[in-house]
Amino acid sequence: MFNNNTKSKGDNKAMLPSSTINIIGTGTTIQGDIVCEGDIRIDGQVNGLVSTKAKIVVGPEGDIIGDLVCQSADILGKVTGIIKVEELLFLKGNALVKGDVYTAHFEMEPTAKFNGRCYMDEEHRPDLQKHGKSVLQEAE
């Protein structure tokens, strides 16, 4: 079931996944920080920092109490904390964000709710290579 070394017919080479996707499923609660390289989808609850160099998706049942740091993010659930997004932050559906946002681009559907401040200028926006040290390293 979890074996990624599936072989196709007539081929002796193992098939490798094309990208890394991490999933925190519904009913799962994590107390602590999550730091990863690939995309992450959160449908459960996380109490702590969530940081990646890729994309974060918070599903409709997802609930994060802590900061988010990432390249891009789609939020459909609830986030309470500071959100730092290098590119696009998209609040969809019944998303609820309580906290300040630092991003280059911000999109929000009419049904989403946002309570906080939004910073989009170069001075305030996170830079993944700022002063030779990434935002992800600063978060650790």
C-alpha atoms as a PDB file:
ATOM      1  CA  MET A   1       0.000   0.000   0.000  1.00  0.00           C
ATOM      2  CA  PHE A   2       2.781   2.476   0.898  1.00  0.00           C
ATOM      3  CA  ASN A   3       5.436   0.979  -1.356  1.00  0.00           C
ATOM      4  CA  ASN A   4       6.560   3.538  -3.952  1.00  0.00           C
ATOM      5  CA  ASN A   5       8.781   1.016  -5.711  1.00  0.00           C
ATOM      6  CA  THR A   6       6.026  -0.172  -8.044  1.00  0.00           C
ATOM      7  CA  LYS A   7       7.347  -1.681 -11.259  1.00  0.00           C
ATOM      8  CA  SER A   8       5.556  -1.380 -14.544  1.00  0.00           C
ATOM      9  CA  LYS A   9       5.207  -4.323 -16.942  1.00  0.00           C
ATOM     10  CA  GLY A  10       8.386  -5.038 -18.863  1.00  0.00           C
ATOM     11  CA  ASP A  11      10.370  -2.417 -16.968  1.00  0.00           C
ATOM     12  CA  ASN A  12      12.808  -3.276 -14.201  1.00  0.00           C
ATOM     13  CA  LYS A  13      13.184   0.349 -13.061  1.00  0.00           C
ATOM     14  CA  ALA A  14      11.328   1.581 -10.000  1.00  0.00           C
ATOM     15  CA  MET A  15       8.814   4.361 -10.597  1.00  0.00           C
ATOM     16  CA  LEU A  16       9.589   7.392  -8.468  1.00  0.00           C
ATOM     17  CA  PRO A  17       7.027   9.982  -7.413  1.00  0.00           C
ATOM     18  CA  SER A  18       7.290  13.194  -9.446  1.00  0.00           C
ATOM     19  CA  SER A  19       6.997  15.470  -6.398  1.00  0.00           C
ATOM     20  CA  THR A  20       6.791  15.301  -2.649  1.00  0.00           C
ATOM     21  CA  ILE A  21       3.325  15.847  -1.167  1.00  0.00           C
ATOM     22  CA  ASN A  22       2.804  15.629   2.576  1.00  0.00           C
ATOM     23  CA  ILE A  23      -0.724  15.123   3.934  1.00  0.00           C
ATOM     24  CA  ILE A  24      -2.020  15.672   7.462  1.00  0.00           C
ATOM     25  CA  GLY A  25      -5.386  13.922   7.333  1.00  0.00           C
ATOM     26  CA  THR A  26      -8.705  14.656   8.982  1.00  0.00           C
ATOM     27  CA  GLY A  27      -8.702  13.514  12.611  1.00  0.00           C
ATOM     28  CA  THR A  28      -4.938  14.000  12.995  1.00  0.00           C
ATOM     29  CA  THR A  29      -3.605  16.513  15.531  1.00  0.00           C
ATOM     30  CA  ILE A  30       0.019  17.607  15.570  1.00  0.00           C
ATOM     31  CA  GLN A  31       1.519  19.517  18.492  1.00  0.00           C
ATOM     32  CA  GLY A  32       4.743  21.068  17.216  1.00  0.00           C
ATOM     33  CA  ASP A  33       6.386  22.507  14.142  1.00  0.00           C
ATOM     34  CA  ILE A  34       6.311  21.047  10.635  1.00  0.00           C
ATOM     35  CA  VAL A  35       9.190  21.883   8.299  1.00  0.00           C
ATOM     36  CA  CYS A  36       9.326  20.260   4.866  1.00  0.00           C
ATOM     37  CA  GLU A  37      10.637  20.793   1.345  1.00  0.00           C
ATOM     38  CA  GLY A  38       7.593  19.784  -0.718  1.00  0.00           C
ATOM     39  CA  ASP A  39       3.903  20.616  -0.874  1.00  0.00           C
ATOM     40  CA  ILE A  40       1.803  20.001   2.213  1.00  0.00           C
ATOM     41  CA  ARG A  41      -1.957  19.607   2.625  1.00  0.00           C
ATOM     42  CA  ILE A  42      -3.488  19.952   6.073  1.00  0.00           C
ATOM     43  CA  ASP A  43      -6.964  18.569   6.704  1.00  0.00           C
ATOM     44  CA  GLY A  44      -6.358  17.950  10.416  1.00  0.00           C
ATOM     45  CA  GLN A  45      -5.202  20.232  13.215  1.00  0.00           C
ATOM     46  CA  VAL A  46      -1.704  21.659  13.734  1.00  0.00           C
ATOM     47  CA  ASN A  47      -0.588  23.670  16.753  1.00  0.00           C
ATOM     48  CA  GLY A  48       2.753  25.140  15.697  1.00  0.00           C
ATOM     49  CA  LEU A  49       4.729  26.515  12.780  1.00  0.00           C
ATOM     50  CA  VAL A  50       4.129  25.071   9.291  1.00  0.00           C
ATOM     51  CA  SER A  51       6.994  25.889   6.933  1.00  0.00           C
ATOM     52  CA  THR A  52       7.839  24.746   3.396  1.00  0.00           C
ATOM     53  CA  LYS A  53       9.673  25.985   0.321  1.00  0.00           C
ATOM     54  CA  ALA A  54       6.646  24.933  -1.750  1.00  0.00           C
ATOM     55  CA  LYS A  55       2.844  25.186  -1.417  1.00  0.00           C
ATOM     56  CA  ILE A  56       0.579  24.822   1.607  1.00  0.00           C
ATOM     57  CA  VAL A  57      -3.075  23.834   1.206  1.00  0.00           C
ATOM     58  CA  VAL A  58      -5.306  24.050   4.268  1.00  0.00           C
ATOM     59  CA  GLY A  59      -8.398  21.974   3.498  1.00  0.00           C
ATOM     60  CA  PRO A  60     -11.950  22.901   4.575  1.00  0.00           C
ATOM     61  CA  GLU A  61     -11.547  20.920   7.829  1.00  0.00           C
ATOM     62  CA  GLY A  62      -7.976  22.096   8.421  1.00  0.00           C
ATOM     63  CA  ASP A  63      -7.232  24.168  11.524  1.00  0.00           C
ATOM     64  CA  ILE A  64      -3.831  25.729  12.201  1.00  0.00           C
ATOM     65  CA  ILE A  65      -2.913  27.638  15.324  1.00  0.00           C
ATOM     66  CA  GLY A  66       0.529  28.954  14.491  1.00  0.00           C
ATOM     67  CA  ASP A  67       2.437  30.639  11.713  1.00  0.00           C
ATOM     68  CA  LEU A  68       2.638  29.630   8.043  1.00  0.00           C
ATOM     69  CA  VAL A  69       5.725  30.251   5.889  1.00  0.00           C
ATOM     70  CA  CYS A  70       5.680  29.114   2.254  1.00  0.00           C
ATOM     71  CA  GLN A  71       6.024  29.893  -1.441  1.00  0.00           C
ATOM     72  CA  SER A  72       2.235  29.888  -2.094  1.00  0.00           C
ATOM     73  CA  ALA A  73      -0.892  28.940  -0.152  1.00  0.00           C
ATOM     74  CA  ASP A  74      -4.536  28.018  -0.705  1.00  0.00           C
ATOM     75  CA  ILE A  75      -6.579  28.253   2.486  1.00  0.00           C
ATOM     76  CA  LEU A  76     -10.073  26.814   2.767  1.00  0.00           C
ATOM     77  CA  GLY A  77     -10.022  26.132   6.524  1.00  0.00           C
ATOM     78  CA  LYS A  78      -8.979  28.104   9.611  1.00  0.00           C
ATOM     79  CA  VAL A  79      -5.607  29.707  10.360  1.00  0.00           C
ATOM     80  CA  THR A  80      -4.825  31.703  13.497  1.00  0.00           C
ATOM     81  CA  GLY A  81      -1.348  33.201  13.237  1.00  0.00           C
ATOM     82  CA  ILE A  82       1.021  35.082  10.959  1.00  0.00           C
ATOM     83  CA  ILE A  83       1.102  34.022   7.302  1.00  0.00           C
ATOM     84  CA  LYS A  84       4.221  34.727   5.192  1.00  0.00           C
ATOM     85  CA  VAL A  85       3.798  33.813   1.516  1.00  0.00           C
ATOM     86  CA  GLU A  86       6.430  34.580  -1.113  1.00  0.00           C
ATOM     87  CA  GLU A  87       3.987  34.551  -4.050  1.00  0.00           C
ATOM     88  CA  LEU A  88       0.171  34.046  -3.985  1.00  0.00           C
ATOM     89  CA  LEU A  89      -2.065  33.672  -0.944  1.00  0.00           C
ATOM     90  CA  PHE A  90      -5.581  32.554  -1.935  1.00  0.00           C
ATOM     91  CA  LEU A  91      -8.425  32.418   0.615  1.00  0.00           C
ATOM     92  CA  LYS A  92     -11.180  30.185  -0.748  1.00  0.00           C
ATOM     93  CA  GLY A  93     -14.623  29.011   0.292  1.00  0.00           C
ATOM     94  CA  ASN A  94     -15.296  29.469   4.003  1.00  0.00           C
ATOM     95  CA  ALA A  95     -11.691  30.193   4.943  1.00  0.00           C
ATOM     96  CA  LEU A  96     -11.127  32.046   8.211  1.00  0.00           C
ATOM     97  CA  VAL A  97      -7.801  33.783   8.802  1.00  0.00           C
ATOM     98  CA  LYS A  98      -7.041  35.604  12.061  1.00  0.00           C
ATOM     99  CA  GLY A  99      -3.632  37.245  11.895  1.00  0.00           C
ATOM    100  CA  ASP A 100      -1.341  39.373   9.796  1.00  0.00           C
ATOM    101  CA  VAL A 101      -0.430  38.458   6.230  1.00  0.00           C
ATOM    102  CA  TYR A 102       2.791  39.182   4.324  1.00  0.00           C
ATOM    103  CA  THR A 103       2.520  38.321   0.622  1.00  0.00           C
ATOM    104  CA  ALA A 104       3.222  39.498  -2.924  1.00  0.00           C
ATOM    105  CA  HIS A 105      -0.268  38.664  -4.234  1.00  0.00           C
ATOM    106  CA  PHE A 106      -3.524  38.211  -2.349  1.00  0.00           C
ATOM    107  CA  GLU A 107      -6.804  36.795  -3.632  1.00  0.00           C
ATOM    108  CA  MET A 108      -9.940  36.231  -1.590  1.00  0.00           C
ATOM    109  CA  GLU A 109     -13.340  34.789  -2.438  1.00  0.00           C
ATOM    110  CA  PRO A 110     -16.397  36.695  -1.118  1.00  0.00           C
ATOM    111  CA  THR A 111     -17.273  33.899   1.344  1.00  0.00           C
ATOM    112  CA  ALA A 112     -13.822  33.903   3.033  1.00  0.00           C
ATOM    113  CA  LYS A 113     -13.109  35.950   6.177  1.00  0.00           C
ATOM    114  CA  PHE A 114      -9.883  37.738   7.057  1.00  0.00           C
ATOM    115  CA  ASN A 115      -9.186  39.584  10.330  1.00  0.00           C
ATOM    116  CA  GLY A 116      -5.748  41.138  10.421  1.00  0.00           C
ATOM    117  CA  ARG A 117      -3.368  43.358   8.523  1.00  0.00           C
ATOM    118  CA  CYS A 118      -2.024  42.692   5.044  1.00  0.00           C
ATOM    119  CA  TYR A 119       1.442  43.779   3.902  1.00  0.00           C
ATOM    120  CA  MET A 120       2.231  43.532   0.204  1.00  0.00           C
ATOM    121  CA  ASP A 121       5.026  46.031  -0.392  1.00  0.00           C
ATOM    122  CA  GLU A 122       8.654  44.969  -0.872  1.00  0.00           C
ATOM    123  CA  GLU A 123       9.654  46.437   2.483  1.00  0.00           C
ATOM    124  CA  HIS A 124       7.384  44.125   4.479  1.00  0.00           C
ATOM    125  CA  ARG A 125       7.063  41.108   2.188  1.00  0.00           C
ATOM    126  CA  PRO A 126       9.123  38.010   3.072  1.00  0.00           C
ATOM    127  CA  ASP A 127      12.071  37.250   0.831  1.00  0.00           C
ATOM    128  CA  LEU A 128      13.264  33.649   0.790  1.00  0.00           C
ATOM    129  CA  GLN A 129      16.854  34.793   0.182  1.00  0.00           C
ATOM    130  CA  LYS A 130      16.846  37.927   2.357  1.00  0.00           C
ATOM    131  CA  HIS A 131      20.347  38.792   3.609  1.00  0.00           C
ATOM    132  CA  GLY A 132      21.670  35.344   2.612  1.00  0.00           C
ATOM    133  CA  LYS A 133      19.327  33.674   5.070  1.00  0.00           C
ATOM    134  CA  SER A 134      15.955  32.316   4.066  1.00  0.00           C
ATOM    135  CA  VAL A 135      12.665  33.037   5.799  1.00  0.00           C
ATOM    136  CA  LEU A 136      12.432  29.290   6.341  1.00  0.00           C
ATOM    137  CA  GLN A 137      15.738  29.282   8.255  1.00  0.00           C
ATOM    138  CA  GLU A 138      14.620  32.276  10.321  1.00  0.00           C
ATOM    139  CA  ALA A 139      11.464  30.348  11.249  1.00  0.00           C
ATOM    140  CA  GLU A 140      13.464  27.382  12.577  1.00  0.00           C
END
